[in-house]
Structures are given as structure tokens and as C-alpha cells.
PDB file of all heavy atoms in Angstrom:
ATOM      1  N   MET A   1      91.609 102.423  98.660  1.00  0.00           N
ATOM      2  CA  MET A   1      93.057 102.227  98.841  1.00  0.00           C
ATOM      3  C   MET A   1      93.583 101.176  97.867  1.00  0.00           C
ATOM      4  O   MET A   1      94.638 101.373  97.249  1.00  0.00           O
ATOM      5  CB  MET A   1      93.374 101.810 100.281  1.00  0.00           C
ATOM      6  CG  MET A   1      93.053 102.839 101.325  1.00  0.00           C
ATOM      7  SD  MET A   1      94.106 104.270 101.191  1.00  0.00           S
ATOM      8  CE  MET A   1      93.927 104.973 102.804  1.00  0.00           C
ATOM      9  N   ILE A   2      92.854 100.083  97.712  1.00  0.00           N
ATOM     10  CA  ILE A   2      93.275  99.032  96.778  1.00  0.00           C
ATOM     11  C   ILE A   2      93.309  99.573  95.352  1.00  0.00           C
ATOM     12  O   ILE A   2      94.259  99.328  94.603  1.00  0.00           O
ATOM     13  CB  ILE A   2      92.356  97.794  96.897  1.00  0.00           C
ATOM     14  CG1 ILE A   2      92.550  97.129  98.268  1.00  0.00           C
ATOM     15  CG2 ILE A   2      92.618  96.801  95.769  1.00  0.00           C
ATOM     16  CD1 ILE A   2      91.499  96.091  98.617  1.00  0.00           C
ATOM     17  N   ALA A   3      92.273 100.331  94.980  1.00  0.00           N
ATOM     18  CA  ALA A   3      92.214 100.912  93.632  1.00  0.00           C
ATOM     19  C   ALA A   3      93.392 101.840  93.387  1.00  0.00           C
ATOM     20  O   ALA A   3      94.038 101.778  92.328  1.00  0.00           O
ATOM     21  CB  ALA A   3      90.899 101.670  93.447  1.00  0.00           C
ATOM     22  N   ILE A   4      93.711 102.684  94.349  1.00  0.00           N
ATOM     23  CA  ILE A   4      94.822 103.626  94.186  1.00  0.00           C
ATOM     24  C   ILE A   4      96.148 102.883  94.067  1.00  0.00           C
ATOM     25  O   ILE A   4      96.979 103.222  93.214  1.00  0.00           O
ATOM     26  CB  ILE A   4      94.836 104.655  95.337  1.00  0.00           C
ATOM     27  CG1 ILE A   4      93.626 105.592  95.207  1.00  0.00           C
ATOM     28  CG2 ILE A   4      96.136 105.448  95.348  1.00  0.00           C
ATOM     29  CD1 ILE A   4      93.412 106.508  96.401  1.00  0.00           C
ATOM     30  N   ILE A   5      96.337 101.858  94.882  1.00  0.00           N
ATOM     31  CA  ILE A   5      97.573 101.069  94.807  1.00  0.00           C
ATOM     32  C   ILE A   5      97.716 100.430  93.420  1.00  0.00           C
ATOM     33  O   ILE A   5      98.775 100.488  92.798  1.00  0.00           O
ATOM     34  CB  ILE A   5      97.621 100.009  95.931  1.00  0.00           C
ATOM     35  CG1 ILE A   5      97.787 100.699  97.291  1.00  0.00           C
ATOM     36  CG2 ILE A   5      98.744  99.004  95.691  1.00  0.00           C
ATOM     37  CD1 ILE A   5      97.508  99.798  98.486  1.00  0.00           C
ATOM     38  N   ILE A   6      96.638  99.830  92.939  1.00  0.00           N
ATOM     39  CA  ILE A   6      96.667  99.186  91.611  1.00  0.00           C
ATOM     40  C   ILE A   6      96.975 100.212  90.525  1.00  0.00           C
ATOM     41  O   ILE A   6      97.809  99.973  89.651  1.00  0.00           O
ATOM     42  CB  ILE A   6      95.337  98.462  91.329  1.00  0.00           C
ATOM     43  CG1 ILE A   6      95.202  97.224  92.223  1.00  0.00           C
ATOM     44  CG2 ILE A   6      95.221  98.077  89.856  1.00  0.00           C
ATOM     45  CD1 ILE A   6      93.827  96.581  92.198  1.00  0.00           C
ATOM     46  N   LEU A   7      96.307 101.361  90.585  1.00  0.00           N
ATOM     47  CA  LEU A   7      96.505 102.384  89.552  1.00  0.00           C
ATOM     48  C   LEU A   7      97.897 103.006  89.619  1.00  0.00           C
ATOM     49  O   LEU A   7      98.507 103.273  88.585  1.00  0.00           O
ATOM     50  CB  LEU A   7      95.426 103.459  89.651  1.00  0.00           C
ATOM     51  CG  LEU A   7      94.030 102.996  89.218  1.00  0.00           C
ATOM     52  CD1 LEU A   7      92.973 104.019  89.598  1.00  0.00           C
ATOM     53  CD2 LEU A   7      93.994 102.705  87.728  1.00  0.00           C
ATOM     54  N   LEU A   8      98.406 103.217  90.826  1.00  0.00           N
ATOM     55  CA  LEU A   8      99.771 103.735  90.952  1.00  0.00           C
ATOM     56  C   LEU A   8     100.780 102.733  90.387  1.00  0.00           C
ATOM     57  O   LEU A   8     101.703 103.106  89.673  1.00  0.00           O
ATOM     58  CB  LEU A   8     100.106 104.041  92.419  1.00  0.00           C
ATOM     59  CG  LEU A   8      99.539 105.330  93.014  1.00  0.00           C
ATOM     60  CD1 LEU A   8      99.764 105.364  94.524  1.00  0.00           C
ATOM     61  CD2 LEU A   8     100.137 106.563  92.351  1.00  0.00           C
ATOM     62  N   ALA A   9     100.595 101.464  90.703  1.00  0.00           N
ATOM     63  CA  ALA A   9     101.537 100.429  90.266  1.00  0.00           C
ATOM     64  C   ALA A   9     101.485 100.204  88.754  1.00  0.00           C
ATOM     65  O   ALA A   9     102.501  99.868  88.140  1.00  0.00           O
ATOM     66  CB  ALA A   9     101.254  99.118  90.990  1.00  0.00           C
ATOM     67  N   SER A  10     100.318 100.402  88.147  1.00  0.00           N
ATOM     68  CA  SER A  10     100.135 100.075  86.732  1.00  0.00           C
ATOM     69  C   SER A  10     100.619 101.150  85.775  1.00  0.00           C
ATOM     70  O   SER A  10     100.962 100.838  84.635  1.00  0.00           O
ATOM     71  CB  SER A  10      98.651  99.813  86.459  1.00  0.00           C
ATOM     72  OG  SER A  10      98.200  98.751  87.248  1.00  0.00           O
ATOM     73  N   GLY A  11     100.598 102.399  86.212  1.00  0.00           N
ATOM     74  CA  GLY A  11     100.894 103.475  85.275  1.00  0.00           C
ATOM     75  C   GLY A  11      99.725 103.662  84.332  1.00  0.00           C
ATOM     76  O   GLY A  11      98.714 102.967  84.416  1.00  0.00           O
ATOM     77  N   PRO A  12      99.843 104.612  83.390  1.00  0.00           N
ATOM     78  CA  PRO A  12      98.718 104.894  82.504  1.00  0.00           C
ATOM     79  C   PRO A  12      98.564 103.832  81.419  1.00  0.00           C
ATOM     80  O   PRO A  12      99.485 103.077  81.144  1.00  0.00           O
ATOM     81  CB  PRO A  12      99.090 106.249  81.892  1.00  0.00           C
ATOM     82  CG  PRO A  12     100.577 106.257  81.928  1.00  0.00           C
ATOM     83  CD  PRO A  12     100.982 105.490  83.153  1.00  0.00           C
ATOM     84  N   GLY A  13      97.390 103.813  80.797  1.00  0.00           N
ATOM     85  CA  GLY A  13      97.175 102.907  79.664  1.00  0.00           C
ATOM     86  C   GLY A  13      95.952 102.050  79.843  1.00  0.00           C
ATOM     87  O   GLY A  13      95.974 101.117  80.633  1.00  0.00           O
ATOM     88  N   MET A  14      94.892 102.375  79.124  1.00  0.00           N
ATOM     89  CA  MET A  14      93.645 101.613  79.225  1.00  0.00           C
ATOM     90  C   MET A  14      93.753 100.219  78.616  1.00  0.00           C
ATOM     91  O   MET A  14      92.828  99.425  78.719  1.00  0.00           O
ATOM     92  CB  MET A  14      92.506 102.384  78.544  1.00  0.00           C
ATOM     93  CG  MET A  14      91.991 103.566  79.345  1.00  0.00           C
ATOM     94  SD  MET A  14      91.281 103.096  80.932  1.00  0.00           S
ATOM     95  CE  MET A  14      89.778 102.293  80.412  1.00  0.00           C
ATOM     96  N   ASP A  15      94.887  99.901  78.002  1.00  0.00           N
ATOM     97  CA  ASP A  15      95.063  98.574  77.421  1.00  0.00           C
ATOM     98  C   ASP A  15      95.516  97.551  78.454  1.00  0.00           C
ATOM     99  O   ASP A  15      95.595  96.362  78.162  1.00  0.00           O
ATOM    100  CB  ASP A  15      96.059  98.636  76.260  1.00  0.00           C
ATOM    101  CG  ASP A  15      97.412  99.204  76.691  1.00  0.00           C
ATOM    102  OD1 ASP A  15      97.454  99.978  77.674  1.00  0.00           O
ATOM    103  OD2 ASP A  15      98.415  98.876  76.042  1.00  0.00           O
ATOM    104  N   LYS A  16      95.802  97.994  79.673  1.00  0.00           N
ATOM    105  CA  LYS A  16      96.262  97.082  80.725  1.00  0.00           C
ATOM    106  C   LYS A  16      95.080  96.609  81.568  1.00  0.00           C
ATOM    107  O   LYS A  16      94.297  97.423  82.065  1.00  0.00           O
ATOM    108  CB  LYS A  16      97.266  97.791  81.635  1.00  0.00           C
ATOM    109  CG  LYS A  16      98.498  98.306  80.934  1.00  0.00           C
ATOM    110  CD  LYS A  16      99.350  99.095  81.921  1.00  0.00           C
ATOM    111  CE  LYS A  16     100.519  99.771  81.213  1.00  0.00           C
ATOM    112  NZ  LYS A  16     101.229 100.676  82.121  1.00  0.00           N
ATOM    113  N   PRO A  17      94.952  95.302  81.767  1.00  0.00           N
ATOM    114  CA  PRO A  17      93.854  94.791  82.605  1.00  0.00           C
ATOM    115  C   PRO A  17      93.899  95.349  84.034  1.00  0.00           C
ATOM    116  O   PRO A  17      92.846  95.573  84.635  1.00  0.00           O
ATOM    117  CB  PRO A  17      94.061  93.274  82.602  1.00  0.00           C
ATOM    118  CG  PRO A  17      94.904  92.987  81.406  1.00  0.00           C
ATOM    119  CD  PRO A  17      95.731  94.219  81.164  1.00  0.00           C
ATOM    120  N   THR A  18      95.093  95.581  84.562  1.00  0.00           N
ATOM    121  CA  THR A  18      95.187  96.108  85.934  1.00  0.00           C
ATOM    122  C   THR A  18      94.645  97.529  86.015  1.00  0.00           C
ATOM    123  O   THR A  18      94.023  97.901  87.015  1.00  0.00           O
ATOM    124  CB  THR A  18      96.640  96.072  86.447  1.00  0.00           C
ATOM    125  OG1 THR A  18      97.481  96.762  85.516  1.00  0.00           O
ATOM    126  CG2 THR A  18      97.118  94.653  86.664  1.00  0.00           C
ATOM    127  N   VAL A  19      94.854  98.324  84.973  1.00  0.00           N
ATOM    128  CA  VAL A  19      94.314  99.690  84.967  1.00  0.00           C
ATOM    129  C   VAL A  19      92.788  99.642  84.937  1.00  0.00           C
ATOM    130  O   VAL A  19      92.119 100.378  85.673  1.00  0.00           O
ATOM    131  CB  VAL A  19      94.876 100.506  83.779  1.00  0.00           C
ATOM    132  CG1 VAL A  19      94.158 101.843  83.651  1.00  0.00           C
ATOM    133  CG2 VAL A  19      96.378 100.728  83.944  1.00  0.00           C
ATOM    134  N   ILE A  20      92.242  98.765  84.111  1.00  0.00           N
ATOM    135  CA  ILE A  20      90.782  98.623  84.041  1.00  0.00           C
ATOM    136  C   ILE A  20      90.236  98.186  85.397  1.00  0.00           C
ATOM    137  O   ILE A  20      89.233  98.732  85.882  1.00  0.00           O
ATOM    138  CB  ILE A  20      90.381  97.647  82.919  1.00  0.00           C
ATOM    139  CG1 ILE A  20      90.769  98.255  81.561  1.00  0.00           C
ATOM    140  CG2 ILE A  20      88.888  97.333  82.966  1.00  0.00           C
ATOM    141  CD1 ILE A  20      90.678  97.298  80.396  1.00  0.00           C
ATOM    142  N   LEU A  21      90.906  97.228  86.049  1.00  0.00           N
ATOM    143  CA  LEU A  21      90.496  96.798  87.388  1.00  0.00           C
ATOM    144  C   LEU A  21      90.559  97.964  88.369  1.00  0.00           C
ATOM    145  O   LEU A  21      89.636  98.168  89.169  1.00  0.00           O
ATOM    146  CB  LEU A  21      91.394  95.649  87.880  1.00  0.00           C
ATOM    147  CG  LEU A  21      91.163  95.201  89.322  1.00  0.00           C
ATOM    148  CD1 LEU A  21      89.744  94.659  89.506  1.00  0.00           C
ATOM    149  CD2 LEU A  21      92.209  94.164  89.722  1.00  0.00           C
ATOM    150  N   GLY A  22      91.627  98.746  88.312  1.00  0.00           N
ATOM    151  CA  GLY A  22      91.759  99.908  89.188  1.00  0.00           C
ATOM    152  C   GLY A  22      90.636 100.911  88.976  1.00  0.00           C
ATOM    153  O   GLY A  22      90.071 101.444  89.938  1.00  0.00           O
ATOM    154  N   TYR A  23      90.280 101.155  87.711  1.00  0.00           N
ATOM    155  CA  TYR A  23      89.177 102.076  87.397  1.00  0.00           C
ATOM    156  C   TYR A  23      87.857 101.540  87.955  1.00  0.00           C
ATOM    157  O   TYR A  23      87.075 102.282  88.547  1.00  0.00           O
ATOM    158  CB  TYR A  23      89.056 102.262  85.883  1.00  0.00           C
ATOM    159  CG  TYR A  23      89.987 103.282  85.280  1.00  0.00           C
ATOM    160  CD1 TYR A  23      91.276 103.476  85.750  1.00  0.00           C
ATOM    161  CD2 TYR A  23      89.577 104.054  84.207  1.00  0.00           C
ATOM    162  CE1 TYR A  23      92.128 104.402  85.170  1.00  0.00           C
ATOM    163  CE2 TYR A  23      90.423 104.988  83.623  1.00  0.00           C
ATOM    164  CZ  TYR A  23      91.701 105.154  84.114  1.00  0.00           C
ATOM    165  OH  TYR A  23      92.526 106.075  83.543  1.00  0.00           O
ATOM    166  N   VAL A  24      87.607 100.253  87.744  1.00  0.00           N
ATOM    167  CA  VAL A  24      86.361  99.641  88.238  1.00  0.00           C
ATOM    168  C   VAL A  24      86.285  99.773  89.757  1.00  0.00           C
ATOM    169  O   VAL A  24      85.241 100.158  90.311  1.00  0.00           O
ATOM    170  CB  VAL A  24      86.259  98.156  87.797  1.00  0.00           C
ATOM    171  CG1 VAL A  24      85.146  97.431  88.537  1.00  0.00           C
ATOM    172  CG2 VAL A  24      86.060  98.073  86.286  1.00  0.00           C
ATOM    173  N   LEU A  25      87.381  99.469  90.449  1.00  0.00           N
ATOM    174  CA  LEU A  25      87.392  99.588  91.908  1.00  0.00           C
ATOM    175  C   LEU A  25      87.216 101.033  92.358  1.00  0.00           C
ATOM    176  O   LEU A  25      86.511 101.315  93.332  1.00  0.00           O
ATOM    177  CB  LEU A  25      88.688  99.009  92.480  1.00  0.00           C
ATOM    178  CG  LEU A  25      88.833  97.491  92.402  1.00  0.00           C
ATOM    179  CD1 LEU A  25      90.224  97.056  92.837  1.00  0.00           C
ATOM    180  CD2 LEU A  25      87.762  96.807  93.246  1.00  0.00           C
ATOM    181  N   LEU A  26      87.841 101.969  91.644  1.00  0.00           N
ATOM    182  CA  LEU A  26      87.708 103.378  92.012  1.00  0.00           C
ATOM    183  C   LEU A  26      86.272 103.861  91.799  1.00  0.00           C
ATOM    184  O   LEU A  26      85.744 104.622  92.616  1.00  0.00           O
ATOM    185  CB  LEU A  26      88.697 104.242  91.235  1.00  0.00           C
ATOM    186  CG  LEU A  26      88.973 105.614  91.849  1.00  0.00           C
ATOM    187  CD1 LEU A  26      89.587 105.491  93.240  1.00  0.00           C
ATOM    188  CD2 LEU A  26      89.890 106.425  90.959  1.00  0.00           C
ATOM    189  N   TYR A  27      85.631 103.400  90.737  1.00  0.00           N
ATOM    190  CA  TYR A  27      84.219 103.740  90.543  1.00  0.00           C
ATOM    191  C   TYR A  27      83.353 103.105  91.630  1.00  0.00           C
ATOM    192  O   TYR A  27      82.396 103.720  92.109  1.00  0.00           O
ATOM    193  CB  TYR A  27      83.727 103.329  89.150  1.00  0.00           C
ATOM    194  CG  TYR A  27      83.888 104.445  88.150  1.00  0.00           C
ATOM    195  CD1 TYR A  27      85.069 104.572  87.417  1.00  0.00           C
ATOM    196  CD2 TYR A  27      82.886 105.378  87.952  1.00  0.00           C
ATOM    197  CE1 TYR A  27      85.234 105.605  86.512  1.00  0.00           C
ATOM    198  CE2 TYR A  27      83.042 106.414  87.043  1.00  0.00           C
ATOM    199  CZ  TYR A  27      84.222 106.527  86.329  1.00  0.00           C
ATOM    200  OH  TYR A  27      84.385 107.558  85.451  1.00  0.00           O
ATOM    201  N   GLY A  28      83.695 101.874  92.035  1.00  0.00           N
ATOM    202  CA  GLY A  28      82.981 101.249  93.151  1.00  0.00           C
ATOM    203  C   GLY A  28      83.128 102.062  94.423  1.00  0.00           C
ATOM    204  O   GLY A  28      82.159 102.289  95.157  1.00  0.00           O
ATOM    205  N   ALA A  29      84.349 102.538  94.687  1.00  0.00           N
ATOM    206  CA  ALA A  29      84.597 103.378  95.864  1.00  0.00           C
ATOM    207  C   ALA A  29      83.816 104.686  95.754  1.00  0.00           C
ATOM    208  O   ALA A  29      83.259 105.166  96.758  1.00  0.00           O
ATOM    209  CB  ALA A  29      86.092 103.654  96.011  1.00  0.00           C
ATOM    210  N   ALA A  30      83.740 105.258  94.549  1.00  0.00           N
ATOM    211  CA  ALA A  30      82.994 106.514  94.366  1.00  0.00           C
ATOM    212  C   ALA A  30      81.499 106.312  94.631  1.00  0.00           C
ATOM    213  O   ALA A  30      80.850 107.165  95.248  1.00  0.00           O
ATOM    214  CB  ALA A  30      83.223 107.063  92.960  1.00  0.00           C
ATOM    215  N   ILE A  31      80.966 105.179  94.187  1.00  0.00           N
ATOM    216  CA  ILE A  31      79.549 104.879  94.447  1.00  0.00           C
ATOM    217  C   ILE A  31      79.310 104.722  95.942  1.00  0.00           C
ATOM    218  O   ILE A  31      78.350 105.272  96.497  1.00  0.00           O
ATOM    219  CB  ILE A  31      79.104 103.630  93.656  1.00  0.00           C
ATOM    220  CG1 ILE A  31      79.064 103.961  92.162  1.00  0.00           C
ATOM    221  CG2 ILE A  31      77.754 103.111  94.143  1.00  0.00           C
ATOM    222  CD1 ILE A  31      78.982 102.755  91.248  1.00  0.00           C
ATOM    223  N   LEU A  32      80.195 103.995  96.622  1.00  0.00           N
ATOM    224  CA  LEU A  32      80.075 103.843  98.075  1.00  0.00           C
ATOM    225  C   LEU A  32      80.271 105.189  98.781  1.00  0.00           C
ATOM    226  O   LEU A  32      79.673 105.438  99.829  1.00  0.00           O
ATOM    227  CB  LEU A  32      81.079 102.815  98.592  1.00  0.00           C
ATOM    228  CG  LEU A  32      80.814 101.372  98.167  1.00  0.00           C
ATOM    229  CD1 LEU A  32      81.923 100.454  98.671  1.00  0.00           C
ATOM    230  CD2 LEU A  32      79.451 100.892  98.673  1.00  0.00           C
ATOM    231  N   THR A  33      81.103 106.038  98.199  1.00  0.00           N
ATOM    232  CA  THR A  33      81.326 107.377  98.737  1.00  0.00           C
ATOM    233  C   THR A  33      80.024 108.175  98.734  1.00  0.00           C
ATOM    234  O   THR A  33      79.671 108.816  99.727  1.00  0.00           O
ATOM    235  CB  THR A  33      82.399 108.105  97.881  1.00  0.00           C
ATOM    236  OG1 THR A  33      83.651 107.506  98.141  1.00  0.00           O
ATOM    237  CG2 THR A  33      82.470 109.568  98.163  1.00  0.00           C
ATOM    238  N   ILE A  34      79.329 108.125  97.620  1.00  0.00           N
ATOM    239  CA  ILE A  34      78.049 108.843  97.519  1.00  0.00           C
ATOM    240  C   ILE A  34      77.039 108.260  98.503  1.00  0.00           C
ATOM    241  O   ILE A  34      76.334 108.993  99.200  1.00  0.00           O
ATOM    242  CB  ILE A  34      77.516 108.794  96.070  1.00  0.00           C
ATOM    243  CG1 ILE A  34      78.438 109.599  95.155  1.00  0.00           C
ATOM    244  CG2 ILE A  34      76.085 109.312  95.996  1.00  0.00           C
ATOM    245  CD1 ILE A  34      78.205 109.374  93.675  1.00  0.00           C
ATOM    246  N   TRP A  35      76.998 106.943  98.595  1.00  0.00           N
ATOM    247  CA  TRP A  35      76.043 106.284  99.494  1.00  0.00           C
ATOM    248  C   TRP A  35      76.346 106.625 100.956  1.00  0.00           C
ATOM    249  O   TRP A  35      75.435 106.943 101.723  1.00  0.00           O
ATOM    250  CB  TRP A  35      76.058 104.773  99.279  1.00  0.00           C
ATOM    251  CG  TRP A  35      75.052 104.067 100.147  1.00  0.00           C
ATOM    252  CD1 TRP A  35      75.312 103.248 101.202  1.00  0.00           C
ATOM    253  CD2 TRP A  35      73.628 104.142 100.041  1.00  0.00           C
ATOM    254  NE1 TRP A  35      74.142 102.806 101.761  1.00  0.00           N
ATOM    255  CE2 TRP A  35      73.082 103.346 101.058  1.00  0.00           C
ATOM    256  CE3 TRP A  35      72.766 104.809  99.188  1.00  0.00           C
ATOM    257  CZ2 TRP A  35      71.716 103.192 101.249  1.00  0.00           C
ATOM    258  CZ3 TRP A  35      71.402 104.659  99.380  1.00  0.00           C
ATOM    259  CH2 TRP A  35      70.898 103.859 100.400  1.00  0.00           C
ATOM    260  N   SER A  36      77.614 106.572 101.360  1.00  0.00           N
ATOM    261  CA  SER A  36      77.953 106.895 102.752  1.00  0.00           C
ATOM    262  C   SER A  36      77.691 108.371 103.038  1.00  0.00           C
ATOM    263  O   SER A  36      77.263 108.737 104.130  1.00  0.00           O
ATOM    264  CB  SER A  36      79.394 106.511 103.088  1.00  0.00           C
ATOM    265  OG  SER A  36      80.319 107.311 102.385  1.00  0.00           O
ATOM    266  N   MET A  37      77.921 109.249 102.047  1.00  0.00           N
ATOM    267  CA  MET A  37      77.621 110.671 102.233  1.00  0.00           C
ATOM    268  C   MET A  37      76.125 110.877 102.417  1.00  0.00           C
ATOM    269  O   MET A  37      75.694 111.674 103.258  1.00  0.00           O
ATOM    270  CB  MET A  37      78.127 111.464 101.019  1.00  0.00           C
ATOM    271  CG  MET A  37      78.052 112.955 101.197  1.00  0.00           C
ATOM    272  SD  MET A  37      79.276 113.529 102.387  1.00  0.00           S
ATOM    273  CE  MET A  37      78.206 114.029 103.702  1.00  0.00           C
ATOM    274  N   TYR A  38      75.324 110.144 101.659  1.00  0.00           N
ATOM    275  CA  TYR A  38      73.869 110.201 101.829  1.00  0.00           C
ATOM    276  C   TYR A  38      73.486 109.801 103.255  1.00  0.00           C
ATOM    277  O   TYR A  38      72.647 110.456 103.886  1.00  0.00           O
ATOM    278  CB  TYR A  38      73.177 109.292 100.803  1.00  0.00           C
ATOM    279  CG  TYR A  38      71.719 109.053 101.113  1.00  0.00           C
ATOM    280  CD1 TYR A  38      70.774 110.046 100.855  1.00  0.00           C
ATOM    281  CD2 TYR A  38      71.306 107.859 101.687  1.00  0.00           C
ATOM    282  CE1 TYR A  38      69.436 109.833 101.159  1.00  0.00           C
ATOM    283  CE2 TYR A  38      69.973 107.639 101.996  1.00  0.00           C
ATOM    284  CZ  TYR A  38      69.043 108.622 101.734  1.00  0.00           C
ATOM    285  OH  TYR A  38      67.722 108.414 102.049  1.00  0.00           O
TER     286      TYR A  38
END
């Protein structure tokens, strides 16, 4: 949820630190997603 909020608020553009943070958090959520599914 935090990742989605950050990414929605930031708009596109890999040059923005907030977008990079949103991507990192979303990848963290995806890893936890795989682990919880396991």
C-alpha cells in the first residue's frame, strides 16, 4: 500500500528518488508475496 501510494503520487520517471523508493518497496512487497504464498 505504501509503495502504491508513493508511485501514484510521484508519477512516472526513474529520475525521481520517490519513484525509486516506490519501486524498491514494491519489489519488497513482491518478495514477501512469494514468501507468504509459499
